[in-house]
C-alpha cells in the first residue's frame, strides 16, 4: 500500500484538508481522505486479522511522514477509525509521530486518539 501513497497521493493530491473541504471537488483528494473508509478493515469482524491491522497501522505511520498534508490527514483519519480496535497503539502512533503532524492537523490528531 505504501507505494500507492508515495507514487500517487503524495505527489498528485492538492494540499487540501478533506475534513474542511465541504464541496469535495478534487476527486483524487476525496479518495485519499476516504481511503480507510473504502476497505473497512478496522471493523470488529476483521479485528482478528492481526497481520492486516499491523500492515494498515504501519502504512498510516508511513503516510504521516510523507510531505503532502492530505496524506498526513489520510493517516489520522484512518487512525481515528482504528482507535475502536487498537486504542493503545493508535495513541502511541500519534504521540510518536507528533513532529510530523503540522499545526493545521493537531486538533484533528487529538480527535483521532
Protein backbone atom coordinates (compact mmCIF):
# COMPACT_ATOMS: atom_id res chain seq x y z
CA UNK A 1 0.00 0.00 0.00
CA UNK A 2 2.82 2.40 0.73
CA UNK A 3 3.74 2.57 -2.94
CA UNK A 4 0.24 3.79 -3.78
CA UNK A 5 0.50 6.65 -1.30
CA UNK A 6 4.07 7.55 -2.27
CA UNK A 7 3.59 7.37 -6.04
CA UNK A 8 0.00 8.60 -6.40
CA UNK A 9 -1.38 10.55 -3.48
CA UNK A 10 1.72 12.31 -2.14
CA UNK A 11 2.79 13.92 -5.44
CA UNK A 12 -0.65 14.42 -7.02
CA UNK A 13 -3.11 15.41 -4.30
CA UNK A 14 -3.73 19.09 -3.73
CA UNK A 15 -2.56 20.21 -0.27
CA UNK A 16 -6.18 20.48 0.89
CA UNK A 17 -7.69 19.06 4.06
CA UNK A 18 -10.59 16.73 3.30
CA UNK A 19 -12.39 17.27 6.59
CA UNK A 20 -12.56 21.02 5.82
CA UNK A 21 -13.32 20.74 2.10
CA UNK A 22 -17.12 20.75 2.26
CA UNK A 23 -17.59 20.60 -1.51
CA UNK A 24 -15.13 17.71 -2.05
CA UNK A 25 -14.36 18.97 -5.54
CA UNK A 26 -10.99 17.27 -6.04
CA UNK A 27 -11.73 13.59 -6.67
CA UNK A 28 -8.21 12.35 -6.04
CA UNK A 29 -8.18 14.13 -2.70
CA UNK A 30 -11.56 12.67 -1.82
CA UNK A 31 -10.33 9.12 -2.46
CA UNK A 32 -7.21 9.90 -0.42
CA UNK A 33 -9.18 11.29 2.52
CA UNK A 34 -11.70 8.45 2.48
CA UNK A 35 -9.18 5.66 1.82
CA UNK A 36 -9.67 3.87 5.14
CA UNK A 37 -13.47 4.06 4.76
CA UNK A 38 -13.33 2.09 1.50
CA UNK A 39 -11.95 -1.19 2.92
CA UNK A 40 -13.42 -1.20 6.46
CA UNK A 41 -10.63 -3.33 7.90
CA UNK A 42 -10.96 -1.66 11.28
CA UNK A 43 -14.36 -3.31 11.79
CA UNK A 44 -14.91 -5.83 14.54
CA UNK A 45 -15.29 -8.71 12.05
CA UNK A 46 -11.78 -8.15 10.73
CA UNK A 47 -10.16 -7.17 14.01
CA UNK A 48 -8.91 -10.73 14.43
CA UNK A 49 -6.78 -10.45 11.29
CA UNK A 50 -3.74 -9.19 13.11
CA UNK A 51 -1.45 -9.05 10.06
CA UNK A 52 -3.94 -6.83 8.24
CA UNK A 53 -4.25 -4.49 11.21
CA UNK A 54 -0.47 -4.30 11.67
CA UNK A 55 0.13 -3.62 7.95
CA UNK A 56 -2.55 -0.92 7.95
CA UNK A 57 -1.13 0.82 11.01
CA UNK A 58 2.40 0.66 9.55
CA UNK A 59 1.06 2.28 6.39
CA UNK A 60 -0.51 5.07 8.43
CA UNK A 61 2.80 5.69 10.20
CA UNK A 62 4.46 5.87 6.79
CA UNK A 63 1.83 8.32 5.49
CA UNK A 64 2.33 10.64 8.45
CA UNK A 65 5.92 11.06 7.27
CA UNK A 66 5.02 11.98 3.68
CA UNK A 67 5.20 15.64 2.67
CA UNK A 68 1.64 16.20 1.47
CA UNK A 69 -0.73 17.33 4.20
CA UNK A 70 -3.53 15.36 2.50
CA UNK A 71 -1.55 12.16 3.16
CA UNK A 72 -0.99 13.10 6.77
CA UNK A 73 -4.71 13.72 7.16
CA UNK A 74 -5.46 10.38 5.48
CA UNK A 75 -3.33 8.66 8.13
CA UNK A 76 -5.02 10.48 11.00
CA UNK A 77 -8.46 9.74 9.57
CA UNK A 78 -7.54 6.06 9.40
CA UNK A 79 -6.13 6.09 12.90
CA UNK A 80 -9.43 7.51 14.12
CA UNK A 81 -11.22 4.51 12.65
CA UNK A 82 -8.71 2.04 14.08
CA UNK A 83 -9.00 3.55 17.55
CA UNK A 84 -12.01 1.35 18.26
CA UNK A 85 -9.98 -1.86 17.82
CA UNK A 86 -6.46 -0.74 18.80
CA UNK A 87 -6.73 2.35 21.05
CA UNK A 88 -3.37 1.98 22.76
CA UNK A 89 -1.44 1.51 19.50
CA UNK A 90 -3.24 4.43 17.82
CA UNK A 91 -2.40 6.72 20.74
CA UNK A 92 1.25 5.59 20.63
CA UNK A 93 1.46 6.25 16.89
CA UNK A 94 0.04 9.75 17.22
CA UNK A 95 2.34 10.59 20.13
CA UNK A 96 5.41 9.13 18.42
CA UNK A 97 4.60 10.95 15.17
CA UNK A 98 3.77 14.34 16.68
CA UNK A 99 6.76 16.02 14.99
CA UNK A 100 5.33 15.08 11.58
CA UNK A 101 1.86 16.48 12.30
CA UNK A 102 1.52 20.11 11.18
CA UNK A 103 -0.24 22.67 13.36
CA UNK A 104 -3.24 22.64 10.99
CA UNK A 105 -3.83 18.99 11.91
CA UNK A 106 -3.08 18.99 15.64
CA UNK A 107 -6.72 19.17 16.76
CA UNK A 108 -7.66 16.57 14.14
CA UNK A 109 -4.95 14.29 15.53
CA UNK A 110 -6.28 14.74 19.06
CA UNK A 111 -9.75 13.74 17.92
CA UNK A 112 -8.34 10.56 16.37
CA UNK A 113 -6.83 9.38 19.65
